[in-house]
Protein backbone atom coordinates (compact mmCIF):
# COMPACT_ATOMS: atom_id res chain seq x y z
CA MET A 1 -144.43 -16.59 -195.76
CA GLU A 2 -146.90 -14.29 -197.51
CA LYS A 3 -145.62 -11.04 -199.02
CA TYR A 4 -147.49 -7.87 -198.05
CA LEU A 5 -146.56 -4.68 -199.88
CA ILE A 6 -147.73 -1.17 -198.91
CA ASN A 7 -146.88 1.76 -201.15
CA PRO A 8 -147.12 5.17 -199.40
CA ASN A 9 -146.29 6.82 -202.73
CA GLN A 10 -149.53 5.51 -204.22
CA LYS A 11 -152.12 7.68 -202.54
CA LEU A 12 -155.57 6.80 -203.82
CA SER A 13 -159.02 7.87 -202.58
CA LYS A 14 -160.17 9.25 -199.25
CA ILE A 15 -161.80 6.74 -196.91
CA SER A 16 -164.91 8.53 -195.70
CA LYS A 17 -165.66 7.92 -192.05
CA ASP A 18 -169.29 7.47 -193.15
CA VAL A 19 -168.41 4.02 -194.51
CA TYR A 20 -168.47 2.92 -190.85
CA GLY A 21 -172.12 3.79 -190.17
CA CYS A 22 -175.00 1.86 -188.62
CA PHE A 23 -178.66 1.34 -189.47
CA SER A 24 -181.50 1.56 -186.92
CA GLU A 25 -184.99 0.49 -187.90
CA HIS A 26 -188.23 0.30 -185.97
CA LEU A 27 -187.81 -3.46 -185.82
CA GLY A 28 -187.88 -5.67 -182.76
CA ARG A 29 -185.84 -4.15 -179.92
CA CYS A 30 -183.54 -1.99 -182.00
CA ILE A 31 -185.09 1.37 -181.12
CA TYR A 32 -187.34 0.60 -178.17
CA GLU A 33 -185.40 -1.07 -175.34
CA GLY A 34 -182.23 -1.03 -177.43
CA THR A 35 -181.64 2.69 -177.83
CA TYR A 36 -184.69 4.44 -176.43
CA VAL A 37 -186.24 3.60 -173.06
CA GLY A 38 -188.15 6.81 -172.35
CA GLU A 39 -187.41 9.61 -169.93
CA ASP A 40 -189.13 7.87 -167.00
CA SER A 41 -187.15 4.63 -167.29
CA PRO A 42 -185.03 3.48 -164.31
CA ILE A 43 -182.34 2.67 -166.88
CA PRO A 44 -179.91 5.63 -166.95
CA ASN A 45 -180.82 7.84 -169.88
CA VAL A 46 -180.70 11.35 -171.28
CA ASN A 47 -183.98 12.39 -172.88
CA GLY A 48 -184.91 8.72 -173.04
CA MET A 49 -181.70 7.60 -174.81
CA ARG A 50 -179.78 4.87 -172.98
CA THR A 51 -176.59 6.36 -171.57
CA ASP A 52 -174.65 3.10 -171.91
CA VAL A 53 -175.58 2.68 -175.57
CA VAL A 54 -174.85 6.31 -176.44
CA THR A 55 -171.46 6.10 -174.73
CA ALA A 56 -170.61 2.87 -176.56
CA LEU A 57 -171.53 4.34 -179.95
CA LYS A 58 -169.46 7.45 -179.24
CA ASP A 59 -166.47 5.33 -178.22
CA MET A 60 -166.88 3.26 -181.39
CA GLY A 61 -166.70 6.45 -183.43
CA LEU A 62 -170.12 5.98 -185.06
CA PRO A 63 -170.12 8.53 -187.91
CA VAL A 64 -173.64 8.25 -189.36
CA LEU A 65 -176.95 6.64 -188.39
CA ARG A 66 -179.69 5.60 -190.82
CA TRP A 67 -183.36 5.75 -189.69
CA PRO A 68 -186.36 4.87 -189.59
CA GLY A 69 -185.97 1.90 -191.96
CA GLY A 70 -185.79 -0.39 -193.80
CA CYS A 71 -189.16 -1.68 -194.80
CA PHE A 72 -190.63 0.35 -191.95
CA ALA A 73 -189.67 3.57 -193.76
CA ASP A 74 -192.20 2.98 -196.51
CA GLU A 75 -195.11 2.73 -194.11
CA TYR A 76 -193.90 5.52 -191.81
CA HIS A 77 -195.74 8.84 -191.80
CA TRP A 78 -193.55 11.37 -190.07
CA LYS A 79 -196.32 13.63 -188.76
CA ASP A 80 -197.47 10.75 -186.52
CA GLY A 81 -194.12 11.01 -184.67
CA ILE A 82 -194.07 14.70 -183.68
CA GLY A 83 -195.78 16.75 -180.99
CA LYS A 84 -196.76 15.70 -177.49
CA LYS A 85 -196.19 12.00 -177.07
CA GLU A 86 -199.56 11.36 -175.48
CA ASN A 87 -201.20 12.75 -178.62
CA ARG A 88 -199.14 10.85 -181.17
CA LYS A 89 -201.01 8.52 -183.46
CA LYS A 90 -200.38 4.80 -183.03
CA MET A 91 -199.87 2.42 -185.94
CA VAL A 92 -199.35 -1.27 -186.57
CA ASN A 93 -195.88 -2.27 -187.75
CA THR A 94 -197.03 -4.65 -190.48
CA ASN A 95 -193.53 -5.57 -191.62
CA TRP A 96 -192.13 -6.64 -188.28
CA GLY A 97 -194.49 -8.70 -186.17
CA GLY A 98 -197.65 -6.61 -186.28
CA VAL A 99 -196.72 -4.87 -183.04
CA VAL A 100 -198.25 -1.52 -182.15
CA GLU A 101 -195.88 1.39 -182.78
CA ASP A 102 -196.69 4.28 -180.45
CA ASN A 103 -194.42 6.75 -182.29
CA SER A 104 -192.80 7.95 -179.06
CA PHE A 105 -189.50 7.87 -180.95
CA GLY A 106 -189.85 10.23 -183.90
CA THR A 107 -188.02 12.98 -185.75
CA HIS A 108 -187.07 15.06 -182.69
CA GLU A 109 -185.87 12.01 -180.79
CA PHE A 110 -183.80 10.78 -183.73
CA PHE A 111 -181.95 14.06 -184.11
CA ASP A 112 -181.43 14.24 -180.36
CA LEU A 113 -179.88 10.76 -180.49
CA CYS A 114 -177.56 11.84 -183.31
CA LYS A 115 -176.57 14.92 -181.30
CA GLN A 116 -175.80 12.84 -178.21
CA VAL A 117 -173.72 10.35 -180.21
CA GLY A 118 -172.10 13.10 -182.30
CA CYS A 119 -172.94 11.45 -185.62
CA GLU A 120 -174.42 12.53 -188.94
CA SER A 121 -178.03 11.78 -189.80
CA TYR A 122 -179.44 9.71 -192.66
CA VAL A 123 -183.23 9.77 -193.00
CA ALA A 124 -185.11 7.37 -195.30
CA GLY A 125 -188.31 8.82 -196.74
CA ASN A 126 -191.58 7.08 -197.56
CA VAL A 127 -192.17 6.40 -201.26
CA GLY A 128 -194.12 3.14 -200.97
CA SER A 129 -197.17 4.46 -199.12
CA GLY A 130 -196.42 8.19 -198.94
CA THR A 131 -196.76 11.20 -201.21
CA VAL A 132 -194.45 13.72 -202.79
CA GLN A 133 -195.96 16.44 -200.61
CA GLU A 134 -195.44 14.44 -197.43
CA MET A 135 -191.78 13.84 -198.20
CA ALA A 136 -191.13 17.43 -199.28
CA GLU A 137 -192.72 18.74 -196.08
CA TRP A 138 -190.63 16.39 -193.93
CA LYS A 139 -187.46 17.67 -195.56
CA GLU A 140 -188.70 21.22 -194.97
CA TYR A 141 -189.56 20.45 -191.34
CA ILE A 142 -186.07 19.10 -190.74
CA THR A 143 -183.89 21.58 -192.61
CA SER A 144 -185.68 24.85 -193.37
CA ASN A 145 -185.15 28.09 -191.45
CA ALA A 146 -187.85 29.94 -193.40
CA ASP A 147 -190.98 31.25 -191.71
CA SER A 148 -193.51 28.79 -193.11
CA PRO A 149 -196.47 26.81 -191.77
CA ILE A 150 -194.30 23.67 -191.60
CA THR A 151 -191.39 25.28 -189.76
CA GLN A 152 -193.84 26.95 -187.40
CA ILE A 153 -195.05 23.50 -186.36
CA ARG A 154 -191.45 22.48 -185.68
CA LYS A 155 -190.91 25.56 -183.52
CA GLU A 156 -194.12 24.90 -181.62
CA ASN A 157 -192.74 21.42 -180.94
CA GLY A 158 -189.66 22.91 -179.30
CA GLN A 159 -187.06 23.05 -182.09
CA ASP A 160 -186.43 26.64 -183.18
CA GLU A 161 -183.41 25.97 -185.38
CA PRO A 162 -183.39 23.43 -188.21
CA TRP A 163 -181.26 20.33 -187.86
CA LYS A 164 -178.38 19.40 -190.14
CA LEU A 165 -179.27 16.49 -192.40
CA LYS A 166 -176.46 14.94 -194.42
CA TYR A 167 -178.29 12.16 -196.32
CA PHE A 168 -181.88 11.71 -197.45
CA GLY A 169 -183.06 8.40 -198.92
CA ILE A 170 -185.95 8.50 -201.38
CA GLY A 171 -187.59 5.17 -200.64
CA ASN A 172 -186.18 1.83 -199.51
CA GLU A 173 -186.11 -1.51 -201.32
CA ASN A 174 -188.68 -0.30 -203.80
CA TRP A 175 -188.04 -3.50 -205.74
CA GLY A 176 -189.56 -5.35 -202.76
CA CYS A 177 -191.25 -4.18 -199.56
CA GLY A 178 -191.16 -0.59 -200.82
CA GLY A 179 -193.65 -1.18 -203.64
CA LEU A 180 -192.63 -4.16 -205.83
CA MET A 181 -191.58 -1.70 -208.55
CA SER A 182 -189.65 -2.36 -211.71
CA PRO A 183 -186.46 -0.32 -212.07
CA GLU A 184 -187.98 1.57 -215.00
CA HIS A 185 -191.00 2.59 -212.92
CA TYR A 186 -188.97 3.46 -209.83
CA ALA A 187 -186.55 5.60 -211.85
CA GLU A 188 -189.43 7.83 -212.95
CA VAL A 189 -190.94 7.89 -209.45
CA TYR A 190 -187.54 8.76 -208.00
CA LYS A 191 -187.06 11.76 -210.28
CA ASN A 192 -190.54 13.02 -209.44
CA TYR A 193 -189.83 12.84 -205.70
CA ALA A 194 -186.25 14.10 -205.95
CA ILE A 195 -187.20 17.37 -207.63
CA TYR A 196 -189.37 18.31 -204.64
CA VAL A 197 -186.91 17.27 -201.92
CA ALA A 198 -185.54 20.80 -202.04
CA LYS A 199 -182.44 22.44 -200.66
CA HIS A 200 -183.23 24.62 -197.64
CA ASP A 201 -181.00 27.36 -196.22
CA GLY A 202 -177.78 25.81 -197.41
CA ASN A 203 -178.57 22.32 -196.06
CA LYS A 204 -178.20 20.30 -199.24
CA ALA A 205 -178.80 16.77 -198.01
CA LEU A 206 -177.36 14.27 -200.45
CA LYS A 207 -180.16 12.40 -202.24
CA ILE A 208 -179.91 8.62 -202.12
CA ALA A 209 -181.89 6.56 -204.63
CA CYS A 210 -183.00 3.00 -203.98
CA GLY A 211 -180.47 0.75 -205.63
CA PRO A 212 -180.17 -2.96 -206.34
CA ASN A 213 -180.78 -6.06 -204.30
CA GLY A 214 -177.43 -7.83 -204.26
CA ALA A 215 -176.40 -8.93 -207.74
CA ASP A 216 -179.30 -7.30 -209.62
CA TYR A 217 -177.08 -5.49 -212.12
CA ASN A 218 -180.00 -4.59 -214.38
CA TRP A 219 -181.42 -2.34 -211.63
CA THR A 220 -178.18 -0.37 -211.53
CA GLU A 221 -178.06 -0.18 -215.32
CA VAL A 222 -181.58 1.23 -215.54
CA MET A 223 -181.12 3.69 -212.68
CA MET A 224 -177.88 5.07 -214.08
CA LYS A 225 -179.38 5.31 -217.55
CA LYS A 226 -182.61 7.00 -216.50
CA ALA A 227 -181.93 8.85 -213.23
CA TYR A 228 -178.28 9.95 -213.29
CA PRO A 229 -177.28 12.71 -212.44
CA HIS A 230 -180.34 13.40 -210.26
CA MET A 231 -178.95 11.28 -207.42
CA GLU A 232 -175.85 11.72 -205.29
CA GLY A 233 -176.02 8.14 -204.11
CA LEU A 234 -177.36 4.75 -205.22
CA SER A 235 -177.97 2.27 -202.42
CA LEU A 236 -177.04 -1.41 -202.39
CA HIS A 237 -178.38 -4.08 -200.03
CA TYR A 238 -176.56 -7.38 -199.58
CA TYR A 239 -176.86 -9.78 -196.65
CA THR A 240 -174.65 -12.74 -195.76
CA HIS A 241 -176.29 -16.06 -194.90
CA ALA A 242 -174.76 -19.31 -193.73
CA SER A 243 -175.54 -22.74 -195.12
CA GLY A 244 -177.26 -25.57 -193.27
CA GLU A 245 -179.43 -24.48 -190.38
CA ASN A 246 -178.07 -20.91 -190.57
CA ARG A 247 -177.58 -20.51 -186.83
CA ALA A 248 -175.56 -17.73 -185.21
CA THR A 249 -173.54 -19.69 -182.65
CA VAL A 250 -173.89 -23.35 -183.64
CA PHE A 251 -172.09 -24.13 -186.90
CA ASP A 252 -169.53 -26.52 -188.32
CA ALA A 253 -166.50 -25.78 -190.50
CA LYS A 254 -168.49 -25.94 -193.73
CA GLU A 255 -171.07 -23.47 -192.44
CA TYR A 256 -168.26 -21.23 -191.19
CA TYR A 257 -166.52 -21.12 -194.56
CA ASP A 258 -169.79 -20.82 -196.46
CA THR A 259 -170.58 -17.71 -194.43
CA LEU A 260 -167.22 -16.08 -195.13
CA LYS A 261 -167.37 -17.09 -198.77
CA ASN A 262 -170.77 -15.45 -199.07
CA ALA A 263 -169.49 -12.35 -197.27
CA TYR A 264 -166.54 -12.11 -199.65
CA ARG A 265 -168.96 -12.03 -202.59
CA MET A 266 -169.29 -8.35 -201.64
CA GLU A 267 -166.03 -7.74 -203.54
CA ASP A 268 -167.44 -9.04 -206.81
CA ILE A 269 -170.86 -7.45 -206.30
CA VAL A 270 -169.59 -3.93 -205.62
CA SER A 271 -166.99 -4.19 -208.37
CA ARG A 272 -169.60 -5.07 -210.97
CA HIS A 273 -172.05 -2.38 -209.84
CA ILE A 274 -169.26 0.19 -209.82
CA ALA A 275 -168.24 -0.80 -213.36
CA ILE A 276 -171.80 -0.10 -214.54
CA MET A 277 -171.88 3.23 -212.70
CA GLU A 278 -168.57 4.29 -214.23
CA ARG A 279 -169.90 3.87 -217.76
CA TYR A 280 -172.48 6.59 -217.10
CA ASP A 281 -170.70 8.64 -214.44
CA THR A 282 -167.12 9.42 -215.42
CA ILE A 283 -166.77 12.23 -212.86
CA ASN A 284 -167.65 10.09 -209.83
CA HIS A 285 -170.73 12.17 -209.02
CA THR A 286 -172.91 9.35 -207.71
CA ALA A 287 -171.63 7.28 -204.79
CA LEU A 288 -172.44 3.63 -204.16
CA ILE A 289 -174.12 3.55 -200.72
CA VAL A 290 -174.13 0.11 -199.07
CA ASP A 291 -176.75 0.99 -196.48
CA GLU A 292 -177.78 -2.55 -195.51
CA TRP A 293 -175.21 -5.29 -195.11
CA GLY A 294 -174.17 -7.92 -192.58
CA THR A 295 -175.04 -11.44 -191.44
CA TRP A 296 -178.60 -12.71 -191.26
CA TYR A 297 -179.18 -15.95 -189.32
CA ARG A 298 -182.09 -17.72 -187.68
CA VAL A 299 -183.30 -15.85 -184.63
CA GLU A 300 -182.20 -17.03 -181.20
CA GLU A 301 -184.40 -19.80 -179.82
CA GLY A 302 -187.30 -18.49 -177.75
CA THR A 303 -187.32 -15.01 -179.29
CA ASN A 304 -189.92 -13.46 -181.57
CA PRO A 305 -189.14 -14.56 -185.16
CA ALA A 306 -190.14 -11.13 -186.48
CA PHE A 307 -187.66 -9.34 -184.19
CA LEU A 308 -184.53 -10.75 -185.90
CA TYR A 309 -182.52 -11.06 -182.68
CA GLN A 310 -179.30 -13.02 -183.15
CA GLN A 311 -176.04 -13.53 -181.29
CA ASN A 312 -172.71 -12.42 -182.71
CA THR A 313 -169.50 -14.47 -182.73
CA ILE A 314 -165.90 -14.20 -183.89
CA ARG A 315 -167.22 -15.38 -187.26
CA ASP A 316 -169.22 -12.13 -187.46
CA ALA A 317 -166.14 -10.12 -186.49
CA LEU A 318 -164.38 -11.61 -189.51
CA VAL A 319 -167.34 -10.75 -191.76
CA ALA A 320 -167.16 -7.17 -190.50
CA GLY A 321 -163.40 -6.93 -190.91
CA LEU A 322 -163.22 -8.35 -194.42
CA THR A 323 -166.21 -6.28 -195.58
CA LEU A 324 -164.79 -3.03 -194.22
CA ASN A 325 -161.47 -3.81 -195.94
CA ILE A 326 -163.40 -4.24 -199.20
CA PHE A 327 -165.17 -0.91 -198.67
CA ASN A 328 -161.84 0.79 -197.98
CA LYS A 329 -160.42 -0.60 -201.23
CA HIS A 330 -163.40 0.89 -203.13
CA SER A 331 -163.51 4.19 -201.26
CA ASP A 332 -163.40 6.17 -204.50
CA ARG A 333 -167.01 5.12 -205.13
CA ILE A 334 -168.28 3.71 -201.78
CA ARG A 335 -168.58 6.81 -199.63
CA MET A 336 -171.16 5.69 -197.10
CA ALA A 337 -172.32 2.37 -195.66
CA THR A 338 -174.46 1.31 -192.70
CA ILE A 339 -174.39 -2.17 -191.17
CA ALA A 340 -177.72 -3.75 -190.24
CA GLN A 341 -178.41 -3.13 -187.46
CA THR A 342 -177.25 -1.11 -184.49
CA ILE A 343 -178.78 -2.76 -181.37
CA ASN A 344 -180.47 -6.17 -180.85
CA VAL A 345 -181.19 -6.83 -184.54
CA LEU A 346 -179.16 -8.89 -187.03
CA GLN A 347 -175.40 -8.13 -186.94
CA SER A 348 -175.65 -5.56 -184.18
CA VAL A 349 -172.81 -3.84 -182.35
CA ALA A 350 -174.51 -4.17 -178.94
CA LEU A 351 -177.18 -6.26 -177.23
CA THR A 352 -179.37 -5.17 -174.32
CA ASP A 353 -181.41 -6.99 -171.69
CA GLY A 354 -183.14 -4.63 -169.28
CA GLU A 355 -180.43 -2.57 -167.61
CA GLU A 356 -177.66 -4.77 -169.04
CA MET A 357 -175.71 -4.11 -172.23
CA VAL A 358 -173.07 -6.25 -173.90
CA LEU A 359 -170.77 -5.29 -176.76
CA THR A 360 -170.38 -7.73 -179.63
CA PRO A 361 -167.28 -8.89 -181.53
CA THR A 362 -168.53 -6.77 -184.44
CA TYR A 363 -168.47 -3.70 -182.16
CA TYR A 364 -164.79 -4.21 -181.42
CA VAL A 365 -163.89 -4.49 -185.11
CA PHE A 366 -165.67 -1.20 -185.83
CA LYS A 367 -163.91 0.44 -182.89
CA MET A 368 -160.54 -0.90 -184.03
CA TYR A 369 -161.08 0.25 -187.62
CA LYS A 370 -161.94 3.84 -186.68
CA ASP A 371 -158.24 4.60 -187.21
CA HIS A 372 -159.05 4.42 -190.96
CA HIS A 373 -161.60 7.25 -190.73
CA GLU A 374 -160.85 10.08 -193.17
CA ASN A 375 -157.48 8.60 -194.14
CA THR A 376 -156.17 8.25 -197.68
CA LEU A 377 -156.24 4.74 -199.11
CA LEU A 378 -152.81 3.44 -200.07
CA GLY A 379 -151.92 1.02 -202.81
CA SER A 380 -151.34 -2.36 -201.17
CA TYR A 381 -151.19 -6.02 -202.12
CA ILE A 382 -150.87 -9.29 -200.24
CA THR A 383 -150.10 -12.77 -201.56
CA THR A 384 -152.45 -15.37 -200.14
CA LYS A 385 -154.00 -18.71 -200.93
CA ASN A 386 -157.63 -19.44 -201.62
CA ILE A 387 -159.06 -21.57 -198.82
CA TYR A 388 -162.47 -22.48 -200.20
CA GLU A 389 -162.89 -25.17 -202.82
CA GLY A 390 -165.17 -24.12 -205.66
CA ALA A 391 -165.46 -20.44 -204.71
CA LYS A 392 -163.14 -17.56 -203.96
CA LEU A 393 -162.21 -16.90 -200.35
CA PRO A 394 -158.68 -15.62 -199.69
CA GLN A 395 -157.10 -16.53 -196.39
CA LEU A 396 -155.86 -12.95 -195.97
CA ILE A 397 -157.87 -9.82 -196.80
CA GLU A 398 -156.29 -6.43 -196.09
CA SER A 399 -156.39 -2.69 -196.59
CA ALA A 400 -153.97 0.12 -195.75
CA SER A 401 -154.36 3.85 -195.34
CA ILE A 402 -152.31 6.86 -194.29
CA LYS A 403 -153.14 9.69 -191.90
CA GLU A 404 -152.26 13.32 -192.57
CA ASP A 405 -149.30 13.02 -190.18
CA GLY A 406 -147.86 10.13 -192.18
CA THR A 407 -148.95 7.32 -189.85
CA ILE A 408 -149.93 4.18 -191.74
CA VAL A 409 -152.88 2.02 -190.65
CA SER A 410 -153.06 -1.58 -191.86
CA THR A 411 -155.86 -4.03 -191.11
CA ILE A 412 -155.61 -7.72 -192.00
CA VAL A 413 -158.18 -10.50 -191.62
CA ASN A 414 -157.12 -14.14 -191.38
CA THR A 415 -160.21 -16.08 -192.44
CA SER A 416 -158.77 -19.53 -191.76
CA MET A 417 -160.54 -21.43 -189.01
CA SER A 418 -157.40 -23.38 -188.05
CA GLU A 419 -154.23 -22.07 -189.69
CA ASN A 420 -151.80 -19.32 -188.73
CA ALA A 421 -150.67 -16.92 -191.43
CA GLU A 422 -147.02 -15.89 -191.70
CA VAL A 423 -146.75 -12.39 -193.17
CA HIS A 424 -143.77 -10.28 -194.24
CA CYS A 425 -144.81 -6.65 -194.75
CA GLN A 426 -142.64 -4.16 -196.62
CA VAL A 427 -143.49 -0.46 -196.78
CA ALA A 428 -141.93 1.18 -199.82
CA ASP A 429 -139.57 4.14 -199.22
CA PHE A 430 -140.45 4.18 -195.53
CA LYS A 431 -138.14 3.83 -192.56
CA VAL A 432 -140.15 2.31 -189.73
CA LYS A 433 -139.62 3.86 -186.31
CA GLU A 434 -142.42 2.33 -184.31
CA ILE A 435 -145.20 -0.27 -184.68
CA THR A 436 -148.09 -1.04 -182.36
CA ALA A 437 -150.79 -3.61 -183.00
CA GLU A 438 -154.20 -4.76 -181.74
CA ILE A 439 -156.23 -7.91 -182.37
CA VAL A 440 -159.73 -9.33 -182.15
CA THR A 441 -159.52 -13.12 -182.15
CA GLY A 442 -160.68 -16.34 -180.52
CA ASP A 443 -162.38 -19.57 -181.38
CA ALA A 444 -164.82 -19.05 -184.27
CA HIS A 445 -167.74 -19.75 -181.90
CA ASP A 446 -166.71 -17.31 -179.15
CA TYR A 447 -169.16 -14.57 -178.26
CA ASN A 448 -170.01 -12.16 -175.47
CA ASP A 449 -173.16 -12.64 -173.40
CA PHE A 450 -174.65 -10.97 -170.37
CA ASP A 451 -172.94 -13.34 -167.94
CA LYS A 452 -169.62 -13.30 -169.86
CA LYS A 453 -169.18 -9.86 -171.37
CA ASP A 454 -165.44 -9.86 -172.11
CA VAL A 455 -164.81 -13.17 -173.87
CA VAL A 456 -164.13 -11.21 -177.06
CA LYS A 457 -162.58 -7.74 -177.00
CA ILE A 458 -159.68 -5.76 -178.42
CA ARG A 459 -156.36 -6.94 -177.05
CA GLY A 460 -152.80 -5.91 -177.64
CA PHE A 461 -150.95 -7.97 -180.28
CA GLU A 462 -147.23 -8.63 -179.94
CA ASN A 463 -146.53 -11.60 -182.20
CA PHE A 464 -144.62 -9.51 -184.73
CA LYS A 465 -141.11 -8.17 -185.29
CA LYS A 466 -140.33 -4.72 -186.62
CA THR A 467 -137.98 -4.54 -189.57
CA GLU A 468 -136.33 -1.50 -191.12
CA ASP A 469 -139.04 -1.20 -193.75
CA GLY A 470 -142.00 -3.05 -192.20
CA PHE A 471 -142.59 -6.11 -190.06
CA THR A 472 -142.98 -9.86 -189.96
CA ALA A 473 -145.94 -11.33 -188.08
CA THR A 474 -147.74 -14.56 -187.30
CA LEU A 475 -151.49 -13.98 -187.45
CA PRO A 476 -153.58 -16.56 -185.56
CA PRO A 477 -156.66 -18.22 -187.08
CA CYS A 478 -159.95 -16.33 -186.95
CA SER A 479 -158.32 -12.97 -186.38
CA VAL A 480 -158.64 -9.32 -187.29
CA VAL A 481 -155.38 -7.44 -186.68
CA LYS A 482 -154.57 -3.74 -186.91
CA PHE A 483 -151.03 -2.38 -187.27
CA ILE A 484 -150.15 1.28 -186.64
CA ILE A 485 -146.88 2.02 -188.44
CA LYS A 486 -144.91 5.20 -187.76
């Protein structure tokens, strides 16, 4: 039986709710059809936003949404997406399939979506093909209450008051699709842009610099050396791929474990980037922002390869659970993250087909984990074996937090494809009165589809026994379990 220790006396960092964010790019059917269908659509909507999707995101507790990209951000010119829709300039989305973008979803629509969901906004600005003036004016358009030519345009477009903007990204993947820049060059470009992305009327959006691609530790070193403290956040992008044919629903045991092993690399990657950041930033000024992460498989057969549409199984639920536990454990430095992407693209939380919507296993993990939002991370440790030969993959991956009222939240992932895990949890200096638990589990290949929407969902979990200072439990294979301890 594995020993699981939670120490309520060891209160660590706050787990920002913003760690549980999503990313929406103008890519495939993420925005159009997925979130936005237009005011005249027969699909129920409010101002063009799908009612079913908005309700699902609210119920999930979505805290922050990143937009408009992604690679799309660095070819997006915001003035094309304002004003009367019939007059908006069209463009070709060169990154994602060469489709024509009609710009009917722009700045006003994005902030309306955030208002409907009740989430914070994260806007990514155009460095790759834009200008300093263009970015500065966009920030002014969004956040300024001054009487200026830019704000007058906003008012003429129907928005008298400025919006609240929490995060502003200065470029995206500037090491790749955002300009093929070296870190030395981007650091200088970043500082030039950042100085003009001004604070307006008390709305000091946190400035996010383009950070490294996965394990590119030199990028972080250069950015911290040359651009700190001019950035409140440094982004990190890391995607999980499977081995073999890299398919979403058809995989064998090796491909399953390869995927989880690759997902667990997030622990090493963020730890090493954080160690570099801490050498330059001893006061924890600059956060690590993991604003693109998740699984990336071959697209579903018969779909447009450039639209990145993939299904989502229990395997993906485990990737989500173990990754969010890692983020919780590093919440002193990781203060915002957005999974890629929200609807119909990569590791999405929902899929749509016309009027139909289905929630994915990943959705249910995010919904289950919202009990961690704004809690304080607790010191915790679990004994567990490594289940992957030649690389590190623990069978059990956990995190624990405490609410202001003293309630403890514990989430545990059992990554084994076939083995139960026996766990004995002890909570130090804590007399347990009540425990409730929930689970997301099933065969590794299980998924929800439009004809079978409830194969995977949150269910009550009862295979545990309360003890005076904790519990004992048998966790099934391929499971994500949450315990609420009072």
